[in-house]
N, C-alpha and C. Protein backbone atom coordinates (compact mmCIF):
# COMPACT_ATOMS: atom_id res chain seq x y z
N GLN A 1 -12.05 -9.78 -4.59
CA GLN A 1 -13.26 -9.89 -3.85
C GLN A 1 -13.04 -8.21 -3.50
N LEU A 2 -14.42 -7.25 -3.40
CA LEU A 2 -14.31 -6.02 -2.87
C LEU A 2 -14.00 -6.21 -1.17
N GLN A 3 -13.34 -5.29 -1.03
CA GLN A 3 -12.60 -4.83 0.47
C GLN A 3 -13.53 -3.85 0.78
N LEU A 4 -14.13 -3.24 1.81
CA LEU A 4 -14.06 -2.00 1.91
C LEU A 4 -13.63 -1.29 3.16
N LYS A 5 -13.37 -0.21 3.60
CA LYS A 5 -12.45 -0.31 4.85
C LYS A 5 -13.21 1.79 5.17
N GLU A 6 -13.97 1.76 6.67
CA GLU A 6 -14.16 3.30 6.71
C GLU A 6 -13.24 3.92 7.21
N SER A 7 -12.95 5.13 7.32
CA SER A 7 -12.41 5.99 8.18
C SER A 7 -12.74 7.02 8.62
N GLY A 8 -11.91 7.87 9.67
CA GLY A 8 -12.82 9.18 9.75
C GLY A 8 -13.90 9.61 11.58
N GLY A 9 -13.68 7.97 12.00
CA GLY A 9 -14.82 8.90 13.03
C GLY A 9 -14.22 8.92 14.02
N GLY A 10 -14.73 9.74 14.97
CA GLY A 10 -14.02 10.18 16.17
C GLY A 10 -14.79 10.61 17.12
N LEU A 11 -14.34 11.07 18.17
CA LEU A 11 -15.09 12.29 19.03
C LEU A 11 -15.95 13.55 18.72
N VAL A 12 -16.81 14.23 18.83
CA VAL A 12 -17.21 15.07 18.35
C VAL A 12 -18.14 16.01 19.35
N GLN A 13 -18.23 16.67 19.41
CA GLN A 13 -19.06 18.04 20.51
C GLN A 13 -20.46 17.80 19.52
N PRO A 14 -21.02 18.14 20.43
CA PRO A 14 -22.58 18.15 19.64
C PRO A 14 -22.63 18.96 18.41
N GLY A 15 -23.21 19.24 17.44
CA GLY A 15 -23.15 20.19 16.95
C GLY A 15 -21.80 20.28 16.07
N GLY A 16 -20.94 19.78 15.98
CA GLY A 16 -19.70 19.82 15.29
C GLY A 16 -19.88 18.37 14.00
N SER A 17 -19.06 18.49 13.28
CA SER A 17 -19.13 18.03 11.94
C SER A 17 -17.49 16.72 12.22
N LEU A 18 -18.44 15.73 11.08
CA LEU A 18 -17.26 14.53 10.91
C LEU A 18 -17.38 14.28 8.92
N ARG A 19 -16.25 13.95 8.78
CA ARG A 19 -16.23 13.22 7.15
C ARG A 19 -15.57 11.96 7.34
N LEU A 20 -16.99 11.13 7.05
CA LEU A 20 -16.46 9.70 7.13
C LEU A 20 -15.81 9.29 5.59
N SER A 21 -14.80 8.46 5.33
CA SER A 21 -14.32 7.72 4.16
C SER A 21 -14.64 6.27 4.03
N CYS A 22 -15.35 5.83 2.89
CA CYS A 22 -14.89 4.30 2.61
C CYS A 22 -13.78 4.15 1.71
N ALA A 23 -12.73 3.32 1.94
CA ALA A 23 -12.42 2.94 0.75
C ALA A 23 -12.15 1.93 0.52
N ALA A 24 -12.06 1.44 -0.77
CA ALA A 24 -12.28 0.09 -1.55
C ALA A 24 -11.38 -0.77 -2.30
N SER A 25 -11.04 -1.69 -2.22
CA SER A 25 -9.73 -2.15 -2.64
C SER A 25 -10.07 -3.70 -3.65
N GLY A 26 -9.53 -4.47 -4.40
CA GLY A 26 -10.14 -5.65 -4.93
C GLY A 26 -10.89 -5.44 -6.17
N SER A 27 -11.65 -4.41 -6.13
CA SER A 27 -12.33 -4.12 -7.17
C SER A 27 -12.87 -2.62 -7.20
N THR A 28 -13.60 -2.27 -8.27
CA THR A 28 -13.78 -0.49 -8.50
C THR A 28 -15.10 -0.97 -7.87
N LEU A 29 -15.39 0.39 -7.41
CA LEU A 29 -16.80 0.70 -7.07
C LEU A 29 -17.74 1.14 -7.88
N GLU A 30 -17.07 1.98 -8.97
CA GLU A 30 -17.97 2.39 -10.12
C GLU A 30 -19.40 1.52 -10.49
N SER A 31 -19.69 0.79 -10.62
CA SER A 31 -20.83 -0.14 -10.81
C SER A 31 -21.71 -0.40 -9.50
N TYR A 32 -21.10 -0.44 -8.16
CA TYR A 32 -21.79 -0.24 -7.09
C TYR A 32 -22.72 0.64 -6.46
N ILE A 33 -24.50 0.06 -6.37
CA ILE A 33 -24.77 0.99 -5.56
C ILE A 33 -24.23 1.48 -3.86
N MET A 34 -23.88 2.72 -3.61
CA MET A 34 -23.07 2.46 -2.24
C MET A 34 -24.25 3.16 -1.06
N GLY A 35 -24.07 2.56 0.08
CA GLY A 35 -24.71 2.67 1.00
C GLY A 35 -23.48 3.19 2.29
N TRP A 36 -24.25 4.24 3.27
CA TRP A 36 -23.95 4.03 4.77
C TRP A 36 -25.04 3.81 5.47
N PHE A 37 -24.67 3.01 6.65
CA PHE A 37 -25.07 2.33 7.87
C PHE A 37 -24.70 3.06 8.83
N ARG A 38 -25.38 2.43 10.01
CA ARG A 38 -25.17 2.57 11.41
C ARG A 38 -26.04 2.01 12.50
N ARG A 39 -24.91 1.35 13.07
CA ARG A 39 -25.62 0.74 14.40
C ARG A 39 -25.45 1.44 16.03
N ALA A 40 -26.14 2.46 16.54
CA ALA A 40 -26.11 2.50 17.34
C ALA A 40 -26.19 1.56 18.26
N PRO A 41 -25.61 1.07 20.05
CA PRO A 41 -25.41 0.25 21.07
C PRO A 41 -27.19 0.28 21.26
N GLY A 42 -26.91 -1.14 21.18
CA GLY A 42 -28.69 -2.11 21.89
C GLY A 42 -29.50 -2.29 20.58
N LYS A 43 -29.14 -0.60 19.19
CA LYS A 43 -29.71 -1.18 18.28
C LYS A 43 -29.47 -1.90 17.18
N GLU A 44 -30.95 -2.16 16.08
CA GLU A 44 -30.65 -2.70 15.10
C GLU A 44 -30.38 -1.82 13.64
N ARG A 45 -29.21 -1.92 13.05
CA ARG A 45 -28.49 -1.31 11.99
C ARG A 45 -29.56 -0.49 11.06
N GLU A 46 -29.01 0.69 10.97
CA GLU A 46 -30.34 1.42 10.24
C GLU A 46 -29.45 2.21 9.02
N PHE A 47 -30.81 2.03 8.13
CA PHE A 47 -30.23 3.10 6.93
C PHE A 47 -29.75 4.49 7.24
N VAL A 48 -28.67 4.80 6.21
CA VAL A 48 -27.91 6.22 6.36
C VAL A 48 -28.32 6.70 5.08
N ALA A 49 -28.14 6.32 4.21
CA ALA A 49 -27.64 7.23 2.63
C ALA A 49 -27.06 6.26 2.07
N ARG A 50 -27.50 6.14 0.60
CA ARG A 50 -27.52 5.40 -0.61
C ARG A 50 -27.39 6.35 -1.49
N ILE A 51 -25.71 5.57 -2.26
CA ILE A 51 -26.05 6.75 -3.79
C ILE A 51 -25.50 5.78 -4.95
N THR A 52 -26.56 5.87 -5.88
CA THR A 52 -26.16 5.11 -7.27
C THR A 52 -25.46 4.85 -7.90
N ASP A 53 -25.08 4.53 -8.99
CA ASP A 53 -23.58 4.33 -9.63
C ASP A 53 -23.87 5.44 -10.42
N GLY A 54 -25.15 6.52 -10.57
CA GLY A 54 -25.26 7.73 -11.69
C GLY A 54 -25.78 8.41 -10.90
N GLY A 55 -25.17 8.79 -9.37
CA GLY A 55 -25.00 9.77 -8.26
C GLY A 55 -26.99 9.75 -7.57
N ARG A 56 -27.73 9.26 -8.58
CA ARG A 56 -28.99 9.36 -7.57
C ARG A 56 -28.38 9.43 -6.13
N ILE A 57 -29.57 10.03 -5.04
CA ILE A 57 -28.68 9.36 -3.81
C ILE A 57 -30.89 9.86 -3.07
N ILE A 58 -30.40 9.20 -2.14
CA ILE A 58 -31.39 9.41 -1.08
C ILE A 58 -30.82 9.01 0.31
N TYR A 59 -31.73 9.63 1.14
CA TYR A 59 -30.74 10.12 1.93
C TYR A 59 -32.42 9.48 3.21
N ALA A 60 -31.91 9.14 4.46
CA ALA A 60 -33.28 8.88 5.63
C ALA A 60 -33.69 10.01 6.41
N ASP A 61 -34.70 9.82 6.61
CA ASP A 61 -35.46 11.09 7.21
C ASP A 61 -34.57 12.36 7.78
N SER A 62 -34.18 11.27 8.95
CA SER A 62 -33.70 11.68 10.04
C SER A 62 -32.28 12.42 9.59
N MET A 63 -31.61 12.30 8.50
CA MET A 63 -30.61 12.35 8.46
C MET A 63 -30.52 13.62 7.43
N ARG A 64 -31.55 13.94 6.41
CA ARG A 64 -31.31 14.66 5.48
C ARG A 64 -31.28 15.97 6.03
N GLY A 65 -30.65 16.76 4.92
CA GLY A 65 -30.11 18.26 5.54
C GLY A 65 -28.97 18.25 6.24
N ARG A 66 -28.64 17.52 7.11
CA ARG A 66 -27.38 17.43 7.71
C ARG A 66 -26.42 16.69 7.00
N PHE A 67 -26.80 15.36 6.85
CA PHE A 67 -25.50 14.75 5.88
C PHE A 67 -25.59 14.70 4.28
N THR A 68 -24.38 14.14 4.05
CA THR A 68 -23.81 14.64 2.25
C THR A 68 -23.12 13.71 1.98
N ILE A 69 -23.84 12.23 1.41
CA ILE A 69 -23.14 11.27 0.45
C ILE A 69 -22.47 11.67 -0.26
N SER A 70 -21.52 11.45 -0.83
CA SER A 70 -21.15 11.70 -2.13
C SER A 70 -19.73 10.80 -2.48
N ARG A 71 -19.69 10.50 -4.15
CA ARG A 71 -18.78 9.59 -4.34
C ARG A 71 -17.83 9.92 -5.52
N ASP A 72 -16.73 9.14 -5.12
CA ASP A 72 -15.65 9.57 -6.64
C ASP A 72 -15.06 8.34 -6.59
N ASN A 73 -15.33 7.71 -7.93
CA ASN A 73 -14.62 6.77 -8.39
C ASN A 73 -13.42 6.77 -8.89
N ALA A 74 -12.50 7.45 -9.29
CA ALA A 74 -11.41 7.57 -9.75
C ALA A 74 -10.48 7.45 -8.46
N PRO A 75 -10.56 7.66 -7.14
CA PRO A 75 -9.67 6.94 -5.98
C PRO A 75 -10.03 6.10 -5.39
N ASN A 76 -11.89 5.29 -5.77
CA ASN A 76 -12.63 4.27 -5.60
C ASN A 76 -13.07 4.82 -4.12
N MET A 77 -13.81 5.88 -3.94
CA MET A 77 -14.14 5.94 -2.09
C MET A 77 -15.22 6.80 -2.24
N VAL A 78 -15.80 6.68 -1.21
CA VAL A 78 -17.18 7.13 -1.16
C VAL A 78 -16.71 8.11 0.20
N PHE A 79 -17.66 8.85 0.29
CA PHE A 79 -17.98 9.90 1.37
C PHE A 79 -19.52 10.05 2.26
N LEU A 80 -19.03 10.27 3.62
CA LEU A 80 -19.98 10.99 4.47
C LEU A 80 -20.27 12.06 5.00
N GLN A 81 -20.10 13.50 4.88
CA GLN A 81 -20.23 14.17 5.59
C GLN A 81 -21.18 14.87 6.66
N MET A 82 -20.77 14.85 7.71
CA MET A 82 -22.27 15.14 8.47
C MET A 82 -21.99 16.17 9.37
N ASN A 83 -22.97 16.92 9.25
CA ASN A 83 -22.79 18.34 9.87
C ASN A 83 -24.03 18.39 10.88
N ASN A 84 -23.82 18.89 11.81
CA ASN A 84 -24.66 19.48 13.12
C ASN A 84 -24.72 17.88 13.78
N LEU A 85 -23.89 17.58 14.30
CA LEU A 85 -24.45 16.33 15.10
C LEU A 85 -25.12 16.23 16.41
N GLU A 86 -25.66 15.38 16.25
CA GLU A 86 -26.46 15.36 17.75
C GLU A 86 -25.90 13.76 18.32
N PRO A 87 -26.01 13.92 20.06
CA PRO A 87 -25.75 12.62 20.51
C PRO A 87 -26.45 11.74 19.88
N GLU A 88 -27.29 11.60 19.69
CA GLU A 88 -28.31 10.43 18.90
C GLU A 88 -27.36 9.74 17.66
N ASP A 89 -26.76 10.76 17.14
CA ASP A 89 -25.93 9.84 15.74
C ASP A 89 -24.76 9.21 16.19
N ALA A 90 -24.77 9.07 17.21
CA ALA A 90 -23.55 8.18 18.04
C ALA A 90 -23.62 6.83 17.52
N ALA A 91 -22.80 6.42 16.86
CA ALA A 91 -23.27 4.61 16.60
C ALA A 91 -21.17 4.57 15.80
N VAL A 92 -21.26 3.15 15.16
CA VAL A 92 -20.32 2.54 14.66
C VAL A 92 -21.08 2.81 12.96
N TYR A 93 -20.62 3.55 11.93
CA TYR A 93 -21.08 3.95 11.45
C TYR A 93 -20.11 2.96 10.15
N TYR A 94 -21.10 1.81 9.12
CA TYR A 94 -21.00 1.31 8.26
C TYR A 94 -20.80 1.65 6.63
N CYS A 95 -19.98 1.44 5.84
CA CYS A 95 -20.19 1.19 4.06
C CYS A 95 -20.48 0.15 3.54
N GLY A 96 -21.60 -0.04 2.55
CA GLY A 96 -22.02 -1.10 1.98
C GLY A 96 -21.89 -1.07 0.59
N ALA A 97 -21.85 -1.86 0.36
CA ALA A 97 -21.47 -1.91 -1.08
C ALA A 97 -22.68 -2.94 -1.73
N GLY A 98 -23.25 -2.43 -3.02
CA GLY A 98 -24.37 -3.56 -3.48
C GLY A 98 -25.80 -2.77 -2.64
N TYR A 99 -27.20 -3.25 -3.55
CA TYR A 99 -28.56 -3.31 -3.12
C TYR A 99 -29.73 -4.63 -3.13
N PRO A 100 -29.28 -4.84 -1.78
CA PRO A 100 -28.92 -4.55 -0.71
C PRO A 100 -27.31 -4.91 -0.67
N PRO A 101 -27.17 -4.24 0.29
CA PRO A 101 -25.26 -4.57 0.33
C PRO A 101 -24.73 -6.05 0.49
N GLN A 102 -24.07 -6.39 -0.41
CA GLN A 102 -23.33 -8.11 -0.39
C GLN A 102 -22.14 -7.54 0.44
N TYR A 103 -21.21 -6.36 0.58
CA TYR A 103 -20.04 -6.43 1.18
C TYR A 103 -19.93 -5.17 2.14
N TRP A 104 -19.22 -5.10 3.49
CA TRP A 104 -19.33 -4.87 4.24
C TRP A 104 -18.24 -4.20 4.58
N GLY A 105 -17.70 -2.65 5.13
CA GLY A 105 -16.58 -2.58 6.11
C GLY A 105 -16.66 -3.19 7.22
N GLN A 106 -15.62 -2.80 7.96
CA GLN A 106 -15.72 -3.17 9.50
C GLN A 106 -16.26 -1.99 10.48
N GLY A 107 -16.39 -0.46 9.97
CA GLY A 107 -17.14 0.18 10.68
C GLY A 107 -16.10 1.19 11.25
N THR A 108 -16.43 2.11 11.51
CA THR A 108 -16.09 3.26 12.51
C THR A 108 -16.61 3.62 13.27
N GLN A 109 -16.24 4.31 14.60
CA GLN A 109 -16.92 4.63 15.69
C GLN A 109 -17.19 6.19 15.63
N VAL A 110 -18.60 6.43 15.74
CA VAL A 110 -18.41 8.16 15.53
C VAL A 110 -19.27 8.17 17.24
N THR A 111 -18.46 9.40 17.81
CA THR A 111 -19.41 9.51 19.39
C THR A 111 -19.78 10.72 19.66
N VAL A 112 -20.69 11.55 19.73
CA VAL A 112 -21.17 13.09 19.43
C VAL A 112 -21.12 13.02 21.46
N SER A 113 -20.50 13.93 21.93
CA SER A 113 -20.48 14.01 23.32
C SER A 113 -19.37 15.32 23.46
N SER A 114 -20.15 15.75 24.66
CA SER A 114 -19.71 17.15 25.22
C SER A 114 -18.37 16.84 26.35
């Protein structure tokens, strides 16, 4: 069974950058649509970005231009480069496999604060 594990979260100042990683085990990612989602305290989980197995990418409007999703099927990983972070971007970030996601990681915390 596919298992996902996110990493790369942490504390960053407003305007800073982070690169999140999602590593898969138990199966390969190459046939899955992969997505990043986030959940801020007191809010519902929201869509951030997704990438198809063919490389087509869709972003949520508020992330377009600041976030970049990518995948590398060779090491079985998906990435989210986040630039110009804002306090409103603070959340637990999750990667999901499938559309809609059938498999989820445990999440990685992103805190944006000065």
